[in-house]
């Protein structure tokens, strides 16, 4: 789970839910590749609320602006992903392959 003052992001094995805390309503559902470890990260900037998580295929990374629901998906690795992170502004992200030998930084 990822938490921001106004939203909760729940990462499940095949999908992600965006929940508004004030009303406890589910506002968005995002499909992902098999993600049993809950890999994903979100920015905490009020003006740019970005979620970075697994895409819908192996090695893909999904970048979603949770304010506008605009999504970008790119193949970043040829194998499974073991870590995904994003800075607090949502401008720079990074991912690591399952072996830990390849680190990709993207903006």
PDB file of N, CA and C in Angstrom:
ATOM      1  N   UNK A   1       0.826  -1.180   0.000  1.00  0.00           N
ATOM      2  CA  UNK A   1       0.000   0.000   0.000  1.00  0.00           C
ATOM      3  C   UNK A   1       0.872   1.247   0.000  1.00  0.00           C
ATOM      4  N   UNK A   2       0.418   2.243  -0.719  1.00  0.00           N
ATOM      5  CA  UNK A   2       1.059   3.546  -0.744  1.00  0.00           C
ATOM      6  C   UNK A   2       0.046   4.539  -0.199  1.00  0.00           C
ATOM      7  N   UNK A   3       0.513   5.506   0.559  1.00  0.00           N
ATOM      8  CA  UNK A   3      -0.391   6.409   1.244  1.00  0.00           C
ATOM      9  C   UNK A   3      -0.006   7.859   0.989  1.00  0.00           C
ATOM     10  N   UNK A   4      -0.998   8.673   0.722  1.00  0.00           N
ATOM     11  CA  UNK A   4      -0.848  10.114   0.634  1.00  0.00           C
ATOM     12  C   UNK A   4      -1.973  10.699   1.485  1.00  0.00           C
ATOM     13  N   UNK A   5      -1.890  11.924   1.911  1.00  0.00           N
ATOM     14  CA  UNK A   5      -2.892  12.490   2.812  1.00  0.00           C
ATOM     15  C   UNK A   5      -4.328  12.342   2.329  1.00  0.00           C
ATOM     16  N   UNK A   6      -4.537  12.358   1.026  1.00  0.00           N
ATOM     17  CA  UNK A   6      -5.898  12.299   0.499  1.00  0.00           C
ATOM     18  C   UNK A   6      -6.247  10.998  -0.225  1.00  0.00           C
ATOM     19  N   UNK A   7      -5.241  10.169  -0.526  1.00  0.00           N
ATOM     20  CA  UNK A   7      -5.497   8.923  -1.248  1.00  0.00           C
ATOM     21  C   UNK A   7      -4.704   7.754  -0.679  1.00  0.00           C
ATOM     22  N   UNK A   8      -5.238   6.566  -0.914  1.00  0.00           N
ATOM     23  CA  UNK A   8      -4.573   5.315  -0.583  1.00  0.00           C
ATOM     24  C   UNK A   8      -4.456   4.529  -1.886  1.00  0.00           C
ATOM     25  N   UNK A   9      -3.275   4.023  -2.173  1.00  0.00           N
ATOM     26  CA  UNK A   9      -3.046   3.197  -3.357  1.00  0.00           C
ATOM     27  C   UNK A   9      -2.835   1.763  -2.874  1.00  0.00           C
ATOM     28  N   UNK A  10      -3.703   0.868  -3.287  1.00  0.00           N
ATOM     29  CA  UNK A  10      -3.636  -0.536  -2.877  1.00  0.00           C
ATOM     30  C   UNK A  10      -3.135  -1.355  -4.060  1.00  0.00           C
ATOM     31  N   UNK A  11      -1.961  -1.985  -3.897  1.00  0.00           N
ATOM     32  CA  UNK A  11      -1.364  -2.778  -4.972  1.00  0.00           C
ATOM     33  C   UNK A  11      -1.633  -4.254  -4.694  1.00  0.00           C
ATOM     34  N   UNK A  12      -2.411  -4.869  -5.566  1.00  0.00           N
ATOM     35  CA  UNK A  12      -2.749  -6.288  -5.469  1.00  0.00           C
ATOM     36  C   UNK A  12      -2.014  -7.048  -6.580  1.00  0.00           C
ATOM     37  N   UNK A  13      -2.044  -8.378  -6.569  1.00  0.00           N
ATOM     38  CA  UNK A  13      -1.264  -9.144  -7.550  1.00  0.00           C
ATOM     39  C   UNK A  13      -1.548  -8.854  -9.026  1.00  0.00           C
ATOM     40  N   UNK A  14      -2.757  -8.466  -9.409  1.00  0.00           N
ATOM     41  CA  UNK A  14      -3.079  -8.240 -10.819  1.00  0.00           C
ATOM     42  C   UNK A  14      -3.660  -6.856 -11.102  1.00  0.00           C
ATOM     43  N   UNK A  15      -3.900  -6.058 -10.073  1.00  0.00           N
ATOM     44  CA  UNK A  15      -4.461  -4.731 -10.296  1.00  0.00           C
ATOM     45  C   UNK A  15      -4.137  -3.802  -9.128  1.00  0.00           C
ATOM     46  N   UNK A  16      -4.391  -2.522  -9.356  1.00  0.00           N
ATOM     47  CA  UNK A  16      -4.127  -1.486  -8.363  1.00  0.00           C
ATOM     48  C   UNK A  16      -5.391  -0.661  -8.206  1.00  0.00           C
ATOM     49  N   UNK A  17      -5.725  -0.307  -6.966  1.00  0.00           N
ATOM     50  CA  UNK A  17      -6.878   0.537  -6.689  1.00  0.00           C
ATOM     51  C   UNK A  17      -6.431   1.867  -6.111  1.00  0.00           C
ATOM     52  N   UNK A  18      -7.060   2.934  -6.584  1.00  0.00           N
ATOM     53  CA  UNK A  18      -6.872   4.278  -6.022  1.00  0.00           C
ATOM     54  C   UNK A  18      -8.130   4.572  -5.207  1.00  0.00           C
ATOM     55  N   UNK A  19      -7.946   4.788  -3.888  1.00  0.00           N
ATOM     56  CA  UNK A  19      -9.075   4.988  -2.982  1.00  0.00           C
ATOM     57  C   UNK A  19      -8.997   6.385  -2.377  1.00  0.00           C
ATOM     58  N   UNK A  20     -10.077   7.147  -2.471  1.00  0.00           N
ATOM     59  CA  UNK A  20     -10.138   8.477  -1.863  1.00  0.00           C
ATOM     60  C   UNK A  20     -10.453   8.308  -0.384  1.00  0.00           C
ATOM     61  N   UNK A  21      -9.578   8.818   0.477  1.00  0.00           N
ATOM     62  CA  UNK A  21      -9.720   8.603   1.916  1.00  0.00           C
ATOM     63  C   UNK A  21     -10.917   9.343   2.522  1.00  0.00           C
ATOM     64  N   UNK A  22     -11.247  10.514   2.014  1.00  0.00           N
ATOM     65  CA  UNK A  22     -12.346  11.300   2.592  1.00  0.00           C
ATOM     66  C   UNK A  22     -13.681  10.574   2.512  1.00  0.00           C
ATOM     67  N   UNK A  23     -13.878   9.821   1.428  1.00  0.00           N
ATOM     68  CA  UNK A  23     -15.157   9.126   1.235  1.00  0.00           C
ATOM     69  C   UNK A  23     -15.009   7.602   1.224  1.00  0.00           C
ATOM     70  N   UNK A  24     -13.781   7.119   1.274  1.00  0.00           N
ATOM     71  CA  UNK A  24     -13.470   5.691   1.165  1.00  0.00           C
ATOM     72  C   UNK A  24     -14.087   5.068  -0.085  1.00  0.00           C
ATOM     73  N   UNK A  25     -14.015   5.827  -1.182  1.00  0.00           N
ATOM     74  CA  UNK A  25     -14.527   5.319  -2.447  1.00  0.00           C
ATOM     75  C   UNK A  25     -13.377   4.977  -3.386  1.00  0.00           C
ATOM     76  N   UNK A  26     -13.593   3.933  -4.141  1.00  0.00           N
ATOM     77  CA  UNK A  26     -12.602   3.466  -5.127  1.00  0.00           C
ATOM     78  C   UNK A  26     -12.801   4.310  -6.380  1.00  0.00           C
ATOM     79  N   UNK A  27     -11.765   5.070  -6.765  1.00  0.00           N
ATOM     80  CA  UNK A  27     -11.864   5.999  -7.891  1.00  0.00           C
ATOM     81  C   UNK A  27     -11.246   5.476  -9.174  1.00  0.00           C
ATOM     82  N   UNK A  28     -10.334   4.537  -9.073  1.00  0.00           N
ATOM     83  CA  UNK A  28      -9.630   4.082 -10.271  1.00  0.00           C
ATOM     84  C   UNK A  28      -9.138   2.665 -10.050  1.00  0.00           C
ATOM     85  N   UNK A  29      -9.122   1.871 -11.123  1.00  0.00           N
ATOM     86  CA  UNK A  29      -8.573   0.519 -11.092  1.00  0.00           C
ATOM     87  C   UNK A  29      -7.624   0.390 -12.269  1.00  0.00           C
ATOM     88  N   UNK A  30      -6.412  -0.095 -12.008  1.00  0.00           N
ATOM     89  CA  UNK A  30      -5.374  -0.196 -13.023  1.00  0.00           C
ATOM     90  C   UNK A  30      -4.922  -1.653 -13.116  1.00  0.00           C
ATOM     91  N   UNK A  31      -5.009  -2.227 -14.300  1.00  0.00           N
ATOM     92  CA  UNK A  31      -4.574  -3.607 -14.522  1.00  0.00           C
ATOM     93  C   UNK A  31      -3.057  -3.663 -14.639  1.00  0.00           C
ATOM     94  N   UNK A  32      -2.437  -4.725 -14.088  1.00  0.00           N
ATOM     95  CA  UNK A  32      -0.986  -4.893 -14.157  1.00  0.00           C
ATOM     96  C   UNK A  32      -0.631  -6.330 -14.501  1.00  0.00           C
ATOM     97  N   UNK A  33       0.655  -6.535 -14.794  1.00  0.00           N
ATOM     98  CA  UNK A  33       1.236  -7.864 -14.943  1.00  0.00           C
ATOM     99  C   UNK A  33       1.215  -8.513 -13.566  1.00  0.00           C
ATOM    100  N   UNK A  34       1.433  -9.796 -13.483  1.00  0.00           N
ATOM    101  CA  UNK A  34       1.470 -10.496 -12.202  1.00  0.00           C
ATOM    102  C   UNK A  34       2.436  -9.786 -11.245  1.00  0.00           C
ATOM    103  N   UNK A  35       1.934  -9.320 -10.121  1.00  0.00           N
ATOM    104  CA  UNK A  35       2.707  -8.491  -9.196  1.00  0.00           C
ATOM    105  C   UNK A  35       2.489  -8.947  -7.746  1.00  0.00           C
ATOM    106  N   UNK A  36       2.907 -10.171  -7.402  1.00  0.00           N
ATOM    107  CA  UNK A  36       2.645 -10.689  -6.052  1.00  0.00           C
ATOM    108  C   UNK A  36       3.393  -9.951  -4.943  1.00  0.00           C
ATOM    109  N   UNK A  37       4.466  -9.220  -5.288  1.00  0.00           N
ATOM    110  CA  UNK A  37       5.237  -8.501  -4.269  1.00  0.00           C
ATOM    111  C   UNK A  37       4.798  -7.052  -4.097  1.00  0.00           C
ATOM    112  N   UNK A  38       3.776  -6.628  -4.805  1.00  0.00           N
ATOM    113  CA  UNK A  38       3.268  -5.266  -4.663  1.00  0.00           C
ATOM    114  C   UNK A  38       4.257  -4.201  -5.090  1.00  0.00           C
ATOM    115  N   UNK A  39       4.939  -4.436  -6.207  1.00  0.00           N
ATOM    116  CA  UNK A  39       5.956  -3.498  -6.677  1.00  0.00           C
ATOM    117  C   UNK A  39       5.290  -2.274  -7.295  1.00  0.00           C
ATOM    118  N   UNK A  40       5.668  -1.101  -6.801  1.00  0.00           N
ATOM    119  CA  UNK A  40       5.139   0.152  -7.315  1.00  0.00           C
ATOM    120  C   UNK A  40       5.517   1.290  -6.394  1.00  0.00           C
ATOM    121  N   UNK A  41       5.354   2.507  -6.880  1.00  0.00           N
ATOM    122  CA  UNK A  41       5.663   3.690  -6.072  1.00  0.00           C
ATOM    123  C   UNK A  41       4.833   4.852  -6.594  1.00  0.00           C
ATOM    124  N   UNK A  42       4.616   5.847  -5.736  1.00  0.00           N
ATOM    125  CA  UNK A  42       3.843   7.024  -6.132  1.00  0.00           C
ATOM    126  C   UNK A  42       4.534   8.284  -5.647  1.00  0.00           C
ATOM    127  N   UNK A  43       4.335   9.361  -6.414  1.00  0.00           N
ATOM    128  CA  UNK A  43       4.862  10.661  -5.993  1.00  0.00           C
ATOM    129  C   UNK A  43       3.924  11.247  -4.937  1.00  0.00           C
ATOM    130  N   UNK A  44       4.431  12.191  -4.178  1.00  0.00           N
ATOM    131  CA  UNK A  44       3.629  12.775  -3.108  1.00  0.00           C
ATOM    132  C   UNK A  44       3.370  14.250  -3.317  1.00  0.00           C
ATOM    133  N   UNK A  45       3.663  14.733  -4.505  1.00  0.00           N
ATOM    134  CA  UNK A  45       3.448  16.133  -4.845  1.00  0.00           C
ATOM    135  C   UNK A  45       1.958  16.350  -5.133  1.00  0.00           C
ATOM    136  N   UNK A  46       1.348  17.387  -4.566  1.00  0.00           N
ATOM    137  CA  UNK A  46      -0.084  17.655  -4.766  1.00  0.00           C
ATOM    138  C   UNK A  46      -0.423  17.961  -6.223  1.00  0.00           C
ATOM    139  N   UNK A  47       0.482  18.621  -6.935  1.00  0.00           N
ATOM    140  CA  UNK A  47       0.184  19.023  -8.298  1.00  0.00           C
ATOM    141  C   UNK A  47       0.459  17.926  -9.318  1.00  0.00           C
ATOM    142  N   UNK A  48       1.307  16.984  -9.011  1.00  0.00           N
ATOM    143  CA  UNK A  48       1.664  15.909  -9.938  1.00  0.00           C
ATOM    144  C   UNK A  48       1.624  14.588  -9.186  1.00  0.00           C
ATOM    145  N   UNK A  49       0.485  13.910  -9.219  1.00  0.00           N
ATOM    146  CA  UNK A  49       0.285  12.650  -8.513  1.00  0.00           C
ATOM    147  C   UNK A  49       0.530  11.518  -9.507  1.00  0.00           C
ATOM    148  N   UNK A  50       1.740  10.947  -9.479  1.00  0.00           N
ATOM    149  CA  UNK A  50       2.169   9.952 -10.463  1.00  0.00           C
ATOM    150  C   UNK A  50       2.379   8.601  -9.791  1.00  0.00           C
ATOM    151  N   UNK A  51       1.847   7.556 -10.418  1.00  0.00           N
ATOM    152  CA  UNK A  51       2.048   6.183  -9.972  1.00  0.00           C
ATOM    153  C   UNK A  51       2.921   5.476 -10.991  1.00  0.00           C
ATOM    154  N   UNK A  52       3.966   4.791 -10.524  1.00  0.00           N
ATOM    155  CA  UNK A  52       4.825   3.990 -11.385  1.00  0.00           C
ATOM    156  C   UNK A  52       4.733   2.552 -10.889  1.00  0.00           C
ATOM    157  N   UNK A  53       4.368   1.644 -11.781  1.00  0.00           N
ATOM    158  CA  UNK A  53       4.170   0.253 -11.394  1.00  0.00           C
ATOM    159  C   UNK A  53       4.434  -0.675 -12.580  1.00  0.00           C
ATOM    160  N   UNK A  54       4.182  -1.941 -12.375  1.00  0.00           N
ATOM    161  CA  UNK A  54       4.333  -2.934 -13.433  1.00  0.00           C
ATOM    162  C   UNK A  54       3.348  -2.635 -14.552  1.00  0.00           C
ATOM    163  N   UNK A  55       3.769  -2.892 -15.791  1.00  0.00           N
ATOM    164  CA  UNK A  55       2.870  -2.753 -16.928  1.00  0.00           C
ATOM    165  C   UNK A  55       2.019  -4.004 -17.070  1.00  0.00           C
ATOM    166  N   UNK A  56       1.478  -4.211 -18.250  1.00  0.00           N
ATOM    167  CA  UNK A  56       0.615  -5.374 -18.485  1.00  0.00           C
ATOM    168  C   UNK A  56       1.339  -6.535 -19.154  1.00  0.00           C
ATOM    169  N   UNK A  57       2.663  -6.416 -19.319  1.00  0.00           N
ATOM    170  CA  UNK A  57       3.471  -7.504 -19.877  1.00  0.00           C
ATOM    171  C   UNK A  57       4.806  -7.544 -19.136  1.00  0.00           C
ATOM    172  N   UNK A  58       5.496  -8.656 -19.226  1.00  0.00           N
ATOM    173  CA  UNK A  58       6.768  -8.823 -18.530  1.00  0.00           C
ATOM    174  C   UNK A  58       7.762  -7.741 -18.958  1.00  0.00           C
ATOM    175  N   UNK A  59       8.413  -7.113 -17.988  1.00  0.00           N
ATOM    176  CA  UNK A  59       9.418  -6.093 -18.252  1.00  0.00           C
ATOM    177  C   UNK A  59       8.869  -4.704 -18.533  1.00  0.00           C
ATOM    178  N   UNK A  60       7.549  -4.556 -18.595  1.00  0.00           N
ATOM    179  CA  UNK A  60       6.944  -3.256 -18.871  1.00  0.00           C
ATOM    180  C   UNK A  60       6.756  -2.452 -17.591  1.00  0.00           C
ATOM    181  N   UNK A  61       6.907  -1.147 -17.721  1.00  0.00           N
ATOM    182  CA  UNK A  61       6.649  -0.217 -16.628  1.00  0.00           C
ATOM    183  C   UNK A  61       5.504   0.682 -17.067  1.00  0.00           C
ATOM    184  N   UNK A  62       4.574   0.893 -16.159  1.00  0.00           N
ATOM    185  CA  UNK A  62       3.410   1.730 -16.410  1.00  0.00           C
ATOM    186  C   UNK A  62       3.552   3.007 -15.580  1.00  0.00           C
ATOM    187  N   UNK A  63       3.446   4.155 -16.236  1.00  0.00           N
ATOM    188  CA  UNK A  63       3.515   5.444 -15.550  1.00  0.00           C
ATOM    189  C   UNK A  63       2.157   6.098 -15.732  1.00  0.00           C
ATOM    190  N   UNK A  64       1.484   6.357 -14.617  1.00  0.00           N
ATOM    191  CA  UNK A  64       0.111   6.892 -14.698  1.00  0.00           C
ATOM    192  C   UNK A  64      -0.016   8.170 -13.900  1.00  0.00           C
ATOM    193  N   UNK A  65      -0.507   9.205 -14.545  1.00  0.00           N
ATOM    194  CA  UNK A  65      -0.829  10.448 -13.857  1.00  0.00           C
ATOM    195  C   UNK A  65      -2.199  10.223 -13.223  1.00  0.00           C
ATOM    196  N   UNK A  66      -2.235  10.126 -11.902  1.00  0.00           N
ATOM    197  CA  UNK A  66      -3.489   9.811 -11.218  1.00  0.00           C
ATOM    198  C   UNK A  66      -4.438  11.002 -11.159  1.00  0.00           C
ATOM    199  N   UNK A  67      -3.974  12.198 -11.491  1.00  0.00           N
ATOM    200  CA  UNK A  67      -4.865  13.356 -11.567  1.00  0.00           C
ATOM    201  C   UNK A  67      -5.663  13.353 -12.868  1.00  0.00           C
ATOM    202  N   UNK A  68      -5.032  12.914 -13.965  1.00  0.00           N
ATOM    203  CA  UNK A  68      -5.674  12.964 -15.283  1.00  0.00           C
ATOM    204  C   UNK A  68      -6.001  11.580 -15.848  1.00  0.00           C
ATOM    205  N   UNK A  69      -5.518  10.513 -15.242  1.00  0.00           N
ATOM    206  CA  UNK A  69      -5.652   9.121 -15.706  1.00  0.00           C
ATOM    207  C   UNK A  69      -4.904   8.856 -17.008  1.00  0.00           C
ATOM    208  N   UNK A  70      -4.010   9.763 -17.409  1.00  0.00           N
ATOM    209  CA  UNK A  70      -3.172   9.536 -18.586  1.00  0.00           C
ATOM    210  C   UNK A  70      -2.115   8.496 -18.242  1.00  0.00           C
ATOM    211  N   UNK A  71      -1.939   7.503 -19.122  1.00  0.00           N
ATOM    212  CA  UNK A  71      -1.013   6.396 -18.864  1.00  0.00           C
ATOM    213  C   UNK A  71      -0.014   6.244 -20.000  1.00  0.00           C
ATOM    214  N   UNK A  72       1.236   6.025 -19.621  1.00  0.00           N
ATOM    215  CA  UNK A  72       2.291   5.659 -20.558  1.00  0.00           C
ATOM    216  C   UNK A  72       2.790   4.291 -20.140  1.00  0.00           C
ATOM    217  N   UNK A  73       3.068   3.428 -21.112  1.00  0.00           N
ATOM    218  CA  UNK A  73       3.606   2.106 -20.804  1.00  0.00           C
ATOM    219  C   UNK A  73       4.748   1.821 -21.767  1.00  0.00           C
ATOM    220  N   UNK A  74       5.890   1.425 -21.206  1.00  0.00           N
ATOM    221  CA  UNK A  74       7.072   1.132 -22.027  1.00  0.00           C
ATOM    222  C   UNK A  74       7.743  -0.148 -21.562  1.00  0.00           C
ATOM    223  N   UNK A  75       8.327  -0.864 -22.527  1.00  0.00           N
ATOM    224  CA  UNK A  75       9.136  -2.040 -22.175  1.00  0.00           C
ATOM    225  C   UNK A  75      10.503  -1.526 -21.745  1.00  0.00           C
ATOM    226  N   UNK A  76      10.833  -1.713 -20.481  1.00  0.00           N
ATOM    227  CA  UNK A  76      12.075  -1.210 -19.901  1.00  0.00           C
ATOM    228  C   UNK A  76      13.093  -2.337 -19.736  1.00  0.00           C
ATOM    229  N   UNK A  77      12.610  -3.533 -19.400  1.00  0.00           N
ATOM    230  CA  UNK A  77      13.492  -4.689 -19.163  1.00  0.00           C
ATOM    231  C   UNK A  77      13.029  -5.876 -20.002  1.00  0.00           C
ATOM    232  N   UNK A  78      13.947  -6.816 -20.246  1.00  0.00           N
ATOM    233  CA  UNK A  78      13.607  -8.044 -20.957  1.00  0.00           C
ATOM    234  C   UNK A  78      13.117  -9.133 -20.007  1.00  0.00           C
ATOM    235  N   UNK A  79      13.308  -8.922 -18.701  1.00  0.00           N
ATOM    236  CA  UNK A  79      12.913  -9.922 -17.710  1.00  0.00           C
ATOM    237  C   UNK A  79      12.031  -9.271 -16.642  1.00  0.00           C
ATOM    238  N   UNK A  80      11.722 -10.046 -15.619  1.00  0.00           N
ATOM    239  CA  UNK A  80      10.897  -9.551 -14.509  1.00  0.00           C
ATOM    240  C   UNK A  80      11.534  -8.320 -13.870  1.00  0.00           C
ATOM    241  N   UNK A  81      10.713  -7.507 -13.244  1.00  0.00           N
ATOM    242  CA  UNK A  81      11.162  -6.307 -12.533  1.00  0.00           C
ATOM    243  C   UNK A  81      11.087  -6.589 -11.038  1.00  0.00           C
ATOM    244  N   UNK A  82      12.139  -6.202 -10.292  1.00  0.00           N
ATOM    245  CA  UNK A  82      12.149  -6.462  -8.847  1.00  0.00           C
ATOM    246  C   UNK A  82      11.944  -5.203  -8.016  1.00  0.00           C
ATOM    247  N   UNK A  83      12.112  -4.024  -8.627  1.00  0.00           N
ATOM    248  CA  UNK A  83      11.920  -2.779  -7.880  1.00  0.00           C
ATOM    249  C   UNK A  83      11.560  -1.655  -8.838  1.00  0.00           C
ATOM    250  N   UNK A  84      10.645  -0.798  -8.391  1.00  0.00           N
ATOM    251  CA  UNK A  84      10.282   0.410  -9.122  1.00  0.00           C
ATOM    252  C   UNK A  84      10.189   1.536  -8.110  1.00  0.00           C
ATOM    253  N   UNK A  85      10.749   2.698  -8.467  1.00  0.00           N
ATOM    254  CA  UNK A  85      10.670   3.850  -7.574  1.00  0.00           C
ATOM    255  C   UNK A  85      10.472   5.123  -8.384  1.00  0.00           C
ATOM    256  N   UNK A  86       9.958   6.157  -7.719  1.00  0.00           N
ATOM    257  CA  UNK A  86       9.768   7.467  -8.337  1.00  0.00           C
ATOM    258  C   UNK A  86      10.079   8.526  -7.286  1.00  0.00           C
ATOM    259  N   UNK A  87      10.634   9.661  -7.717  1.00  0.00           N
ATOM    260  CA  UNK A  87      10.920  10.721  -6.747  1.00  0.00           C
ATOM    261  C   UNK A  87       9.612  11.401  -6.326  1.00  0.00           C
ATOM    262  N   UNK A  88       9.677  12.230  -5.293  1.00  0.00           N
ATOM    263  CA  UNK A  88       8.449  12.798  -4.726  1.00  0.00           C
ATOM    264  C   UNK A  88       7.713  13.724  -5.676  1.00  0.00           C
ATOM    265  N   UNK A  89       8.407  14.261  -6.689  1.00  0.00           N
ATOM    266  CA  UNK A  89       7.754  15.136  -7.649  1.00  0.00           C
ATOM    267  C   UNK A  89       7.151  14.376  -8.828  1.00  0.00           C
ATOM    268  N   UNK A  90       7.486  13.112  -8.982  1.00  0.00           N
ATOM    269  CA  UNK A  90       6.973  12.307 -10.082  1.00  0.00           C
ATOM    270  C   UNK A  90       7.683  12.538 -11.397  1.00  0.00           C
ATOM    271  N   UNK A  91       8.829  13.180 -11.361  1.00  0.00           N
ATOM    272  CA  UNK A  91       9.563  13.506 -12.587  1.00  0.00           C
ATOM    273  C   UNK A  91      10.611  12.465 -12.976  1.00  0.00           C
ATOM    274  N   UNK A  92      11.178  11.761 -11.994  1.00  0.00           N
ATOM    275  CA  UNK A  92      12.247  10.787 -12.261  1.00  0.00           C
ATOM    276  C   UNK A  92      11.878   9.448 -11.627  1.00  0.00           C
ATOM    277  N   UNK A  93      11.995   8.391 -12.419  1.00  0.00           N
ATOM    278  CA  UNK A  93      11.708   7.056 -11.925  1.00  0.00           C
ATOM    279  C   UNK A  93      12.881   6.133 -12.184  1.00  0.00           C
ATOM    280  N   UNK A  94      12.850   4.981 -11.529  1.00  0.00           N
ATOM    281  CA  UNK A  94      13.900   3.980 -11.724  1.00  0.00           C
ATOM    282  C   UNK A  94      13.305   2.591 -11.556  1.00  0.00           C
ATOM    283  N   UNK A  95      13.893   1.632 -12.252  1.00  0.00           N
ATOM    284  CA  UNK A  95      13.472   0.238 -12.108  1.00  0.00           C
ATOM    285  C   UNK A  95      14.703  -0.658 -12.149  1.00  0.00           C
ATOM    286  N   UNK A  96      14.565  -1.838 -11.548  1.00  0.00           N
ATOM    287  CA  UNK A  96      15.659  -2.809 -11.466  1.00  0.00           C
ATOM    288  C   UNK A  96      15.120  -4.155 -11.933  1.00  0.00           C
ATOM    289  N   UNK A  97      15.921  -4.870 -12.730  1.00  0.00           N
ATOM    290  CA  UNK A  97      15.486  -6.199 -13.170  1.00  0.00           C
ATOM    291  C   UNK A  97      15.599  -7.209 -12.032  1.00  0.00           C
ATOM    292  N   UNK A  98      15.059  -8.394 -12.253  1.00  0.00           N
ATOM    293  CA  UNK A  98      14.984  -9.415 -11.204  1.00  0.00           C
ATOM    294  C   UNK A  98      16.352  -9.855 -10.687  1.00  0.00           C
ATOM    295  N   UNK A  99      17.382  -9.830 -11.531  1.00  0.00           N
ATOM    296  CA  UNK A  99      18.718 -10.226 -11.100  1.00  0.00           C
ATOM    297  C   UNK A  99      19.446  -9.103 -10.372  1.00  0.00           C
ATOM    298  N   UNK A 100      18.938  -7.897 -10.502  1.00  0.00           N
ATOM    299  CA  UNK A 100      19.597  -6.746  -9.873  1.00  0.00           C
ATOM    300  C   UNK A 100      20.808  -6.258 -10.645  1.00  0.00           C
ATOM    301  N   UNK A 101      20.938  -6.708 -11.883  1.00  0.00           N
ATOM    302  CA  UNK A 101      22.113  -6.342 -12.683  1.00  0.00           C
ATOM    303  C   UNK A 101      21.877  -5.157 -13.604  1.00  0.00           C
ATOM    304  N   UNK A 102      20.605  -4.856 -13.884  1.00  0.00           N
ATOM    305  CA  UNK A 102      20.282  -3.729 -14.779  1.00  0.00           C
ATOM    306  C   UNK A 102      19.374  -2.758 -14.053  1.00  0.00           C
ATOM    307  N   UNK A 103      19.825  -1.519 -13.976  1.00  0.00           N
ATOM    308  CA  UNK A 103      19.028  -0.444 -13.374  1.00  0.00           C
ATOM    309  C   UNK A 103      18.730   0.560 -14.478  1.00  0.00           C
ATOM    310  N   UNK A 104      17.472   0.882 -14.641  1.00  0.00           N
ATOM    311  CA  UNK A 104      17.060   1.868 -15.653  1.00  0.00           C
ATOM    312  C   UNK A 104      16.491   3.082 -14.924  1.00  0.00           C
ATOM    313  N   UNK A 105      16.936   4.267 -15.336  1.00  0.00           N
ATOM    314  CA  UNK A 105      16.415   5.530 -14.812  1.00  0.00           C
ATOM    315  C   UNK A 105      15.685   6.214 -15.946  1.00  0.00           C
ATOM    316  N   UNK A 106      14.477   6.723 -15.680  1.00  0.00           N
ATOM    317  CA  UNK A 106      13.674   7.349 -16.728  1.00  0.00           C
ATOM    318  C   UNK A 106      12.990   8.600 -16.194  1.00  0.00           C
ATOM    319  N   UNK A 107      12.622   9.478 -17.126  1.00  0.00           N
ATOM    320  CA  UNK A 107      11.908  10.701 -16.733  1.00  0.00           C
ATOM    321  C   UNK A 107      10.754  10.951 -17.687  1.00  0.00           C
TER     322      UNK A 107
END
